[in-house]
C-alpha atoms as a PDB file:
ATOM      1  CA  UNK A   1      -9.688  13.397   4.587  1.00  0.00           C
ATOM      2  CA  UNK A   2      -9.234  13.852   8.249  1.00  0.00           C
ATOM      3  CA  UNK A   3      -8.312  12.075  11.439  1.00  0.00           C
ATOM      4  CA  UNK A   4     -10.730  11.981  14.319  1.00  0.00           C
ATOM      5  CA  UNK A   5     -10.532  11.742  18.066  1.00  0.00           C
ATOM      6  CA  UNK A   6     -10.330   8.384  19.826  1.00  0.00           C
ATOM      7  CA  UNK A   7     -13.731   6.769  19.999  1.00  0.00           C
ATOM      8  CA  UNK A   8     -15.240   4.560  22.734  1.00  0.00           C
ATOM      9  CA  UNK A   9     -15.199   0.825  22.116  1.00  0.00           C
ATOM     10  CA  UNK A  10     -17.732  -0.451  19.623  1.00  0.00           C
ATOM     11  CA  UNK A  11     -20.132  -2.924  21.199  1.00  0.00           C
ATOM     12  CA  UNK A  12     -21.319  -4.969  18.226  1.00  0.00           C
ATOM     13  CA  UNK A  13     -18.663  -6.258  15.828  1.00  0.00           C
ATOM     14  CA  UNK A  14     -19.097  -8.097  12.548  1.00  0.00           C
ATOM     15  CA  UNK A  15     -16.305 -10.337  11.207  1.00  0.00           C
ATOM     16  CA  UNK A  16     -15.414 -10.510   7.516  1.00  0.00           C
ATOM     17  CA  UNK A  17     -12.516 -12.335   5.888  1.00  0.00           C
ATOM     18  CA  UNK A  18     -11.023 -12.880   2.450  1.00  0.00           C
ATOM     19  CA  UNK A  19     -11.293 -16.252   0.727  1.00  0.00           C
ATOM     20  CA  UNK A  20      -7.703 -17.299   1.487  1.00  0.00           C
ATOM     21  CA  UNK A  21      -7.043 -20.256   3.777  1.00  0.00           C
ATOM     22  CA  UNK A  22      -4.940 -18.077   6.062  1.00  0.00           C
ATOM     23  CA  UNK A  23      -7.740 -15.535   6.561  1.00  0.00           C
ATOM     24  CA  UNK A  24     -10.398 -18.216   7.043  1.00  0.00           C
ATOM     25  CA  UNK A  25      -8.326 -19.898   9.751  1.00  0.00           C
ATOM     26  CA  UNK A  26      -7.720 -16.600  11.546  1.00  0.00           C
ATOM     27  CA  UNK A  27     -11.451 -15.801  11.376  1.00  0.00           C
ATOM     28  CA  UNK A  28     -12.251 -19.144  12.983  1.00  0.00           C
ATOM     29  CA  UNK A  29      -9.780 -18.466  15.806  1.00  0.00           C
ATOM     30  CA  UNK A  30     -11.244 -15.035  16.468  1.00  0.00           C
ATOM     31  CA  UNK A  31     -14.830 -16.297  16.342  1.00  0.00           C
ATOM     32  CA  UNK A  32     -14.030 -18.823  19.045  1.00  0.00           C
ATOM     33  CA  UNK A  33     -12.882 -16.084  21.423  1.00  0.00           C
ATOM     34  CA  UNK A  34     -15.197 -13.161  20.729  1.00  0.00           C
ATOM     35  CA  UNK A  35     -18.899 -12.685  20.082  1.00  0.00           C
ATOM     36  CA  UNK A  36     -19.566 -11.354  16.587  1.00  0.00           C
ATOM     37  CA  UNK A  37     -22.889 -10.296  15.106  1.00  0.00           C
ATOM     38  CA  UNK A  38     -24.223 -10.099  11.555  1.00  0.00           C
ATOM     39  CA  UNK A  39     -23.251  -7.173   9.362  1.00  0.00           C
ATOM     40  CA  UNK A  40     -26.790  -5.800   9.574  1.00  0.00           C
ATOM     41  CA  UNK A  41     -26.625  -5.644  13.379  1.00  0.00           C
ATOM     42  CA  UNK A  42     -23.031  -4.367  13.688  1.00  0.00           C
ATOM     43  CA  UNK A  43     -21.720  -0.920  14.509  1.00  0.00           C
ATOM     44  CA  UNK A  44     -18.160  -1.767  13.366  1.00  0.00           C
ATOM     45  CA  UNK A  45     -16.414  -4.380  11.211  1.00  0.00           C
ATOM     46  CA  UNK A  46     -13.287  -6.477  11.655  1.00  0.00           C
ATOM     47  CA  UNK A  47     -11.851  -7.326   8.225  1.00  0.00           C
ATOM     48  CA  UNK A  48      -9.235 -10.072   7.789  1.00  0.00           C
ATOM     49  CA  UNK A  49      -7.204 -10.034   4.573  1.00  0.00           C
ATOM     50  CA  UNK A  50      -5.038  -7.710   2.543  1.00  0.00           C
ATOM     51  CA  UNK A  51      -5.415  -4.273   1.006  1.00  0.00           C
ATOM     52  CA  UNK A  52      -7.468  -5.669  -1.875  1.00  0.00           C
ATOM     53  CA  UNK A  53      -9.977  -7.195   0.520  1.00  0.00           C
ATOM     54  CA  UNK A  54     -10.157  -3.923   2.477  1.00  0.00           C
ATOM     55  CA  UNK A  55     -10.956  -2.057  -0.751  1.00  0.00           C
ATOM     56  CA  UNK A  56     -13.608  -4.677  -1.605  1.00  0.00           C
ATOM     57  CA  UNK A  57     -15.143  -4.265   1.853  1.00  0.00           C
ATOM     58  CA  UNK A  58     -15.247  -0.473   1.585  1.00  0.00           C
ATOM     59  CA  UNK A  59     -16.720  -0.618  -1.923  1.00  0.00           C
ATOM     60  CA  UNK A  60     -19.426  -3.029  -0.740  1.00  0.00           C
ATOM     61  CA  UNK A  61     -20.359  -0.470   1.902  1.00  0.00           C
ATOM     62  CA  UNK A  62     -20.447   2.313  -0.660  1.00  0.00           C
ATOM     63  CA  UNK A  63     -22.752   0.214  -2.839  1.00  0.00           C
ATOM     64  CA  UNK A  64     -25.044  -0.593   0.095  1.00  0.00           C
ATOM     65  CA  UNK A  65     -25.124   3.054   1.293  1.00  0.00           C
ATOM     66  CA  UNK A  66     -24.268   1.905   4.836  1.00  0.00           C
ATOM     67  CA  UNK A  67     -20.751   2.763   5.940  1.00  0.00           C
ATOM     68  CA  UNK A  68     -19.443   1.191   9.156  1.00  0.00           C
ATOM     69  CA  UNK A  69     -16.039   1.789  10.750  1.00  0.00           C
ATOM     70  CA  UNK A  70     -13.598  -0.924   9.660  1.00  0.00           C
ATOM     71  CA  UNK A  71     -10.666  -2.333  11.649  1.00  0.00           C
ATOM     72  CA  UNK A  72      -8.506  -4.270   9.201  1.00  0.00           C
ATOM     73  CA  UNK A  73      -6.090  -7.029  10.197  1.00  0.00           C
ATOM     74  CA  UNK A  74      -3.388  -7.816   7.664  1.00  0.00           C
ATOM     75  CA  UNK A  75      -3.299 -11.375   6.415  1.00  0.00           C
ATOM     76  CA  UNK A  76      -2.291 -10.341   2.900  1.00  0.00           C
ATOM     77  CA  UNK A  77       0.955  -9.102   1.341  1.00  0.00           C
ATOM     78  CA  UNK A  78       1.448  -5.373   1.935  1.00  0.00           C
ATOM     79  CA  UNK A  79      -1.391  -4.430   4.272  1.00  0.00           C
ATOM     80  CA  UNK A  80      -0.960  -0.673   3.939  1.00  0.00           C
ATOM     81  CA  UNK A  81      -4.607  -0.118   4.881  1.00  0.00           C
ATOM     82  CA  UNK A  82      -4.518  -2.714   7.665  1.00  0.00           C
ATOM     83  CA  UNK A  83      -3.308  -3.236  11.214  1.00  0.00           C
ATOM     84  CA  UNK A  84      -0.867  -5.954  12.168  1.00  0.00           C
ATOM     85  CA  UNK A  85      -2.324  -9.362  13.001  1.00  0.00           C
ATOM     86  CA  UNK A  86      -0.885 -10.600  16.277  1.00  0.00           C
ATOM     87  CA  UNK A  87      -3.066 -13.669  16.663  1.00  0.00           C
ATOM     88  CA  UNK A  88      -6.347 -14.131  18.447  1.00  0.00           C
ATOM     89  CA  UNK A  89      -5.710 -11.654  21.298  1.00  0.00           C
ATOM     90  CA  UNK A  90      -8.314  -9.296  22.707  1.00  0.00           C
ATOM     91  CA  UNK A  91      -9.635  -7.688  19.538  1.00  0.00           C
ATOM     92  CA  UNK A  92     -12.303  -5.700  21.413  1.00  0.00           C
ATOM     93  CA  UNK A  93      -9.745  -3.803  23.501  1.00  0.00           C
ATOM     94  CA  UNK A  94      -7.665  -3.008  20.396  1.00  0.00           C
ATOM     95  CA  UNK A  95     -10.707  -1.536  18.670  1.00  0.00           C
ATOM     96  CA  UNK A  96     -11.631   0.423  21.800  1.00  0.00           C
ATOM     97  CA  UNK A  97      -8.211   2.136  21.653  1.00  0.00           C
ATOM     98  CA  UNK A  98      -8.180   2.522  17.866  1.00  0.00           C
ATOM     99  CA  UNK A  99      -7.656   5.841  16.127  1.00  0.00           C
ATOM    100  CA  UNK A 100     -10.344   6.621  13.517  1.00  0.00           C
ATOM    101  CA  UNK A 101      -9.433   8.025  10.124  1.00  0.00           C
ATOM    102  CA  UNK A 102     -12.209   9.505   7.983  1.00  0.00           C
ATOM    103  CA  UNK A 103     -11.735   9.373   4.208  1.00  0.00           C
ATOM    104  CA  UNK A 104     -13.839  10.387   1.197  1.00  0.00           C
ATOM    105  CA  UNK A 105     -13.479   8.624  -2.165  1.00  0.00           C
ATOM    106  CA  UNK A 106     -13.250  10.010  -5.652  1.00  0.00           C
ATOM    107  CA  UNK A 107     -16.374   9.962  -7.805  1.00  0.00           C
ATOM    108  CA  UNK A 108     -15.741   9.078 -11.430  1.00  0.00           C
ATOM    109  CA  UNK A 109     -18.197   9.651 -14.266  1.00  0.00           C
ATOM    110  CA  UNK A 110     -17.124   8.077 -17.556  1.00  0.00           C
ATOM    111  CA  UNK A 111     -18.790   8.650 -20.916  1.00  0.00           C
ATOM    112  CA  UNK A 112     -18.050   5.943 -23.461  1.00  0.00           C
ATOM    113  CA  UNK A 113     -17.694   6.304 -27.222  1.00  0.00           C
ATOM    114  CA  UNK A 114     -21.252   5.029 -27.594  1.00  0.00           C
ATOM    115  CA  UNK A 115     -22.560   7.748 -25.250  1.00  0.00           C
ATOM    116  CA  UNK A 116     -23.179   5.532 -22.198  1.00  0.00           C
ATOM    117  CA  UNK A 117     -22.542   7.177 -18.831  1.00  0.00           C
ATOM    118  CA  UNK A 118     -20.994   5.046 -16.046  1.00  0.00           C
ATOM    119  CA  UNK A 119     -20.363   6.254 -12.477  1.00  0.00           C
ATOM    120  CA  UNK A 120     -18.195   4.671  -9.821  1.00  0.00           C
ATOM    121  CA  UNK A 121     -16.198   5.594  -6.716  1.00  0.00           C
ATOM    122  CA  UNK A 122     -12.480   5.117  -6.119  1.00  0.00           C
ATOM    123  CA  UNK A 123     -10.751   5.096  -2.748  1.00  0.00           C
ATOM    124  CA  UNK A 124      -7.218   4.928  -4.173  1.00  0.00           C
ATOM    125  CA  UNK A 125      -7.207   6.369  -7.699  1.00  0.00           C
ATOM    126  CA  UNK A 126      -8.898   6.780 -11.052  1.00  0.00           C
ATOM    127  CA  UNK A 127      -6.547   5.842 -13.891  1.00  0.00           C
ATOM    128  CA  UNK A 128      -6.861   6.152 -17.668  1.00  0.00           C
ATOM    129  CA  UNK A 129      -4.887   3.555 -19.609  1.00  0.00           C
ATOM    130  CA  UNK A 130      -4.308   2.875 -23.292  1.00  0.00           C
ATOM    131  CA  UNK A 131      -5.992  -0.314 -24.502  1.00  0.00           C
ATOM    132  CA  UNK A 132      -3.732  -1.108 -27.486  1.00  0.00           C
ATOM    133  CA  UNK A 133      -0.212  -0.541 -28.767  1.00  0.00           C
ATOM    134  CA  UNK A 134      -1.287   2.951 -29.858  1.00  0.00           C
ATOM    135  CA  UNK A 135      -0.185   5.778 -27.571  1.00  0.00           C
ATOM    136  CA  UNK A 136      -3.079   7.391 -25.713  1.00  0.00           C
ATOM    137  CA  UNK A 137      -3.654  11.088 -26.358  1.00  0.00           C
ATOM    138  CA  UNK A 138      -5.599  12.820 -23.587  1.00  0.00           C
ATOM    139  CA  UNK A 139      -6.622  16.404 -22.917  1.00  0.00           C
ATOM    140  CA  UNK A 140      -6.605  17.375 -19.225  1.00  0.00           C
ATOM    141  CA  UNK A 141      -8.771  20.162 -17.790  1.00  0.00           C
ATOM    142  CA  UNK A 142      -9.006  21.340 -14.178  1.00  0.00           C
ATOM    143  CA  UNK A 143     -12.137  23.228 -13.113  1.00  0.00           C
ATOM    144  CA  UNK A 144     -13.090  23.819 -16.724  1.00  0.00           C
ATOM    145  CA  UNK A 145      -9.704  25.192 -17.814  1.00  0.00           C
ATOM    146  CA  UNK A 146      -7.531  23.161 -20.195  1.00  0.00           C
ATOM    147  CA  UNK A 147      -4.168  22.624 -18.543  1.00  0.00           C
ATOM    148  CA  UNK A 148      -2.642  19.980 -20.844  1.00  0.00           C
ATOM    149  CA  UNK A 149      -4.011  20.183 -24.410  1.00  0.00           C
ATOM    150  CA  UNK A 150      -2.600  16.771 -25.269  1.00  0.00           C
ATOM    151  CA  UNK A 151      -0.811  14.281 -23.031  1.00  0.00           C
ATOM    152  CA  UNK A 152       0.713  11.471 -25.097  1.00  0.00           C
ATOM    153  CA  UNK A 153       1.730   8.323 -23.252  1.00  0.00           C
ATOM    154  CA  UNK A 154       0.410   5.204 -21.569  1.00  0.00           C
ATOM    155  CA  UNK A 155      -2.147   7.178 -19.581  1.00  0.00           C
ATOM    156  CA  UNK A 156      -2.719   9.333 -16.520  1.00  0.00           C
ATOM    157  CA  UNK A 157      -4.147   8.937 -13.019  1.00  0.00           C
ATOM    158  CA  UNK A 158      -5.687  11.011 -10.236  1.00  0.00           C
ATOM    159  CA  UNK A 159      -4.960   9.704  -6.738  1.00  0.00           C
ATOM    160  CA  UNK A 160      -6.238  10.505  -3.241  1.00  0.00           C
ATOM    161  CA  UNK A 161      -3.815  10.770  -0.313  1.00  0.00           C
ATOM    162  CA  UNK A 162      -4.853   7.211   0.665  1.00  0.00           C
ATOM    163  CA  UNK A 163      -3.945   5.997  -2.815  1.00  0.00           C
ATOM    164  CA  UNK A 164      -0.842   8.154  -3.247  1.00  0.00           C
ATOM    165  CA  UNK A 165       1.424   5.314  -2.050  1.00  0.00           C
ATOM    166  CA  UNK A 166      -0.143   2.739  -4.391  1.00  0.00           C
ATOM    167  CA  UNK A 167      -0.190   2.915  -8.209  1.00  0.00           C
ATOM    168  CA  UNK A 168       0.549   6.653  -8.027  1.00  0.00           C
ATOM    169  CA  UNK A 169       3.877   6.055  -6.268  1.00  0.00           C
ATOM    170  CA  UNK A 170       4.815   3.338  -8.770  1.00  0.00           C
ATOM    171  CA  UNK A 171       4.239   5.907 -11.544  1.00  0.00           C
ATOM    172  CA  UNK A 172       6.644   8.313  -9.756  1.00  0.00           C
ATOM    173  CA  UNK A 173       3.819  10.406  -8.333  1.00  0.00           C
ATOM    174  CA  UNK A 174       4.137  12.274  -5.026  1.00  0.00           C
ATOM    175  CA  UNK A 175       3.237  10.890  -1.605  1.00  0.00           C
ATOM    176  CA  UNK A 176       0.483  13.026  -0.070  1.00  0.00           C
ATOM    177  CA  UNK A 177      -0.039  13.319   3.711  1.00  0.00           C
ATOM    178  CA  UNK A 178      -3.609  12.451   4.616  1.00  0.00           C
ATOM    179  CA  UNK A 179      -4.346  15.913   6.002  1.00  0.00           C
ATOM    180  CA  UNK A 180      -2.977  17.651   2.898  1.00  0.00           C
ATOM    181  CA  UNK A 181      -6.425  18.044   1.267  1.00  0.00           C
ATOM    182  CA  UNK A 182      -4.693  17.518  -2.067  1.00  0.00           C
ATOM    183  CA  UNK A 183      -4.913  15.160  -5.058  1.00  0.00           C
ATOM    184  CA  UNK A 184      -2.045  13.820  -7.160  1.00  0.00           C
ATOM    185  CA  UNK A 185      -2.379  14.094 -10.947  1.00  0.00           C
ATOM    186  CA  UNK A 186       0.324  11.813 -12.356  1.00  0.00           C
ATOM    187  CA  UNK A 187       1.194  10.882 -15.948  1.00  0.00           C
ATOM    188  CA  UNK A 188       1.910   7.234 -16.777  1.00  0.00           C
ATOM    189  CA  UNK A 189       4.993   6.814 -19.025  1.00  0.00           C
ATOM    190  CA  UNK A 190       4.486  10.194 -20.726  1.00  0.00           C
ATOM    191  CA  UNK A 191       5.989  10.799 -24.159  1.00  0.00           C
ATOM    192  CA  UNK A 192       4.733  14.372 -24.578  1.00  0.00           C
ATOM    193  CA  UNK A 193       5.037  16.673 -22.692  1.00  0.00           C
ATOM    194  CA  UNK A 194       8.254  14.755 -22.133  1.00  0.00           C
ATOM    195  CA  UNK A 195       9.288  16.320 -18.838  1.00  0.00           C
ATOM    196  CA  UNK A 196       5.875  16.986 -17.298  1.00  0.00           C
ATOM    197  CA  UNK A 197       6.053  15.489 -13.789  1.00  0.00           C
ATOM    198  CA  UNK A 198       2.352  15.822 -13.002  1.00  0.00           C
ATOM    199  CA  UNK A 199       0.645  18.175 -10.578  1.00  0.00           C
ATOM    200  CA  UNK A 200      -0.650  18.423  -7.030  1.00  0.00           C
ATOM    201  CA  UNK A 201      -4.189  19.800  -7.001  1.00  0.00           C
ATOM    202  CA  UNK A 202      -6.501  21.092  -4.270  1.00  0.00           C
ATOM    203  CA  UNK A 203      -9.025  18.502  -3.093  1.00  0.00           C
ATOM    204  CA  UNK A 204     -11.813  20.770  -4.355  1.00  0.00           C
ATOM    205  CA  UNK A 205     -10.696  20.319  -7.978  1.00  0.00           C
ATOM    206  CA  UNK A 206     -12.840  18.771 -10.698  1.00  0.00           C
ATOM    207  CA  UNK A 207     -10.672  17.127 -13.321  1.00  0.00           C
ATOM    208  CA  UNK A 208     -11.863  16.273 -16.833  1.00  0.00           C
ATOM    209  CA  UNK A 209     -10.052  13.965 -19.243  1.00  0.00           C
ATOM    210  CA  UNK A 210     -10.972  13.960 -22.951  1.00  0.00           C
ATOM    211  CA  UNK A 211      -9.600  11.238 -25.190  1.00  0.00           C
ATOM    212  CA  UNK A 212      -8.305  12.322 -28.588  1.00  0.00           C
ATOM    213  CA  UNK A 213      -8.924   9.939 -31.498  1.00  0.00           C
ATOM    214  CA  UNK A 214     -10.742   7.458 -29.215  1.00  0.00           C
ATOM    215  CA  UNK A 215     -11.590   5.032 -32.051  1.00  0.00           C
ATOM    216  CA  UNK A 216      -7.959   4.835 -33.196  1.00  0.00           C
ATOM    217  CA  UNK A 217      -6.410   5.148 -29.733  1.00  0.00           C
ATOM    218  CA  UNK A 218      -8.899   3.494 -27.338  1.00  0.00           C
ATOM    219  CA  UNK A 219      -8.577   4.232 -23.630  1.00  0.00           C
ATOM    220  CA  UNK A 220     -10.012   2.450 -20.577  1.00  0.00           C
ATOM    221  CA  UNK A 221     -10.665   4.074 -17.215  1.00  0.00           C
ATOM    222  CA  UNK A 222     -10.275   2.155 -13.939  1.00  0.00           C
ATOM    223  CA  UNK A 223     -11.751   3.356 -10.619  1.00  0.00           C
ATOM    224  CA  UNK A 224      -9.883   1.154  -8.136  1.00  0.00           C
ATOM    225  CA  UNK A 225     -10.997  -2.222  -9.511  1.00  0.00           C
ATOM    226  CA  UNK A 226     -13.880  -1.210 -11.771  1.00  0.00           C
ATOM    227  CA  UNK A 227     -12.948  -0.853 -15.447  1.00  0.00           C
ATOM    228  CA  UNK A 228     -14.844   0.937 -18.210  1.00  0.00           C
ATOM    229  CA  UNK A 229     -13.468   0.476 -21.731  1.00  0.00           C
ATOM    230  CA  UNK A 230     -13.548   2.699 -24.813  1.00  0.00           C
ATOM    231  CA  UNK A 231     -14.133   5.967 -22.965  1.00  0.00           C
ATOM    232  CA  UNK A 232     -14.396   9.347 -24.665  1.00  0.00           C
ATOM    233  CA  UNK A 233     -14.547  11.600 -21.594  1.00  0.00           C
ATOM    234  CA  UNK A 234     -14.054  11.166 -17.841  1.00  0.00           C
ATOM    235  CA  UNK A 235     -14.908  13.569 -14.983  1.00  0.00           C
ATOM    236  CA  UNK A 236     -13.409  13.061 -11.509  1.00  0.00           C
ATOM    237  CA  UNK A 237     -13.931  14.874  -8.193  1.00  0.00           C
ATOM    238  CA  UNK A 238     -14.163  14.117  -4.480  1.00  0.00           C
ATOM    239  CA  UNK A 239     -17.476  12.563  -3.405  1.00  0.00           C
ATOM    240  CA  UNK A 240     -18.115  14.786  -0.424  1.00  0.00           C
ATOM    241  CA  UNK A 241     -21.395  13.070   0.397  1.00  0.00           C
ATOM    242  CA  UNK A 242     -19.600   9.761   1.075  1.00  0.00           C
ATOM    243  CA  UNK A 243     -17.392   9.240   4.117  1.00  0.00           C
ATOM    244  CA  UNK A 244     -15.751   6.083   5.422  1.00  0.00           C
ATOM    245  CA  UNK A 245     -13.974   5.416   8.700  1.00  0.00           C
ATOM    246  CA  UNK A 246     -10.857   3.254   9.018  1.00  0.00           C
ATOM    247  CA  UNK A 247      -9.696   2.240  12.503  1.00  0.00           C
ATOM    248  CA  UNK A 248      -5.983   1.931  13.330  1.00  0.00           C
ATOM    249  CA  UNK A 249      -3.965   0.920  16.369  1.00  0.00           C
ATOM    250  CA  UNK A 250      -2.321   3.922  18.080  1.00  0.00           C
ATOM    251  CA  UNK A 251       1.095   4.557  16.547  1.00  0.00           C
ATOM    252  CA  UNK A 252       0.200   2.474  13.493  1.00  0.00           C
ATOM    253  CA  UNK A 253      -2.200   4.899  11.822  1.00  0.00           C
ATOM    254  CA  UNK A 254      -2.164   5.331   8.065  1.00  0.00           C
ATOM    255  CA  UNK A 255      -1.180   8.988   8.269  1.00  0.00           C
ATOM    256  CA  UNK A 256       1.979   8.055  10.182  1.00  0.00           C
ATOM    257  CA  UNK A 257       2.861   5.345   7.650  1.00  0.00           C
ATOM    258  CA  UNK A 258       2.411   7.718   4.740  1.00  0.00           C
ATOM    259  CA  UNK A 259       4.928  10.114   6.322  1.00  0.00           C
ATOM    260  CA  UNK A 260       7.331   7.232   7.004  1.00  0.00           C
ATOM    261  CA  UNK A 261       7.021   5.942   3.432  1.00  0.00           C
ATOM    262  CA  UNK A 262       8.775   9.086   2.169  1.00  0.00           C
ATOM    263  CA  UNK A 263      11.978   8.080   3.953  1.00  0.00           C
ATOM    264  CA  UNK A 264      12.163   4.496   2.669  1.00  0.00           C
ATOM    265  CA  UNK A 265      15.071   4.058   0.274  1.00  0.00           C
END
């Protein structure tokens, strides 16, 4: 993940919004004051909504194999991936001054108990979670070497720097600066090893999770919002062939907010 240099203003903008009344109203106000084009004709996107809508927008681009720079405006709750919404001001000049941030997602390959293979990408994190009251028991390998023979607990997750302030932080994982080129491997309510705090891994790592007693202790894997149940094995690594660009107002970039988040008490 890396930051880029300031780019010239994008000429053709598409406008997307979440299905909330607040976002729809803001989209109408912007559309009355700026000329927007269809997504097919655009060279950048303005997205109105919250972090969930931003993730949906980015995943739609990954699925369509056409990734456009996205300037998000927060009309949701947290808006960690978004810029502030100030009203219907000159959106084109804000985008012209925006700072681009290039990110690559995780690629998850899950193999179910029945032998089915399912692949998906995750911008925030890939998490393995127990499905029942039974404690999950998971072996963790990094680059083919077993590091944790058996983690017993509610589960485990692997987060990108972008996702390190989301579920990872709630699970007491570390906050990773965007230029760290690291991944956070974080246990979720671990029982054994009782005091294992997790690990910070190089971005080049390939992590494999194997579920022990999967029939008795079923585990689901979630890549951002996509869930696969009853998994037996999961492989996760950075998808280096996929890059996405987020646009931020100067002084409001995501890398700055990740640093600031470490000082919030």
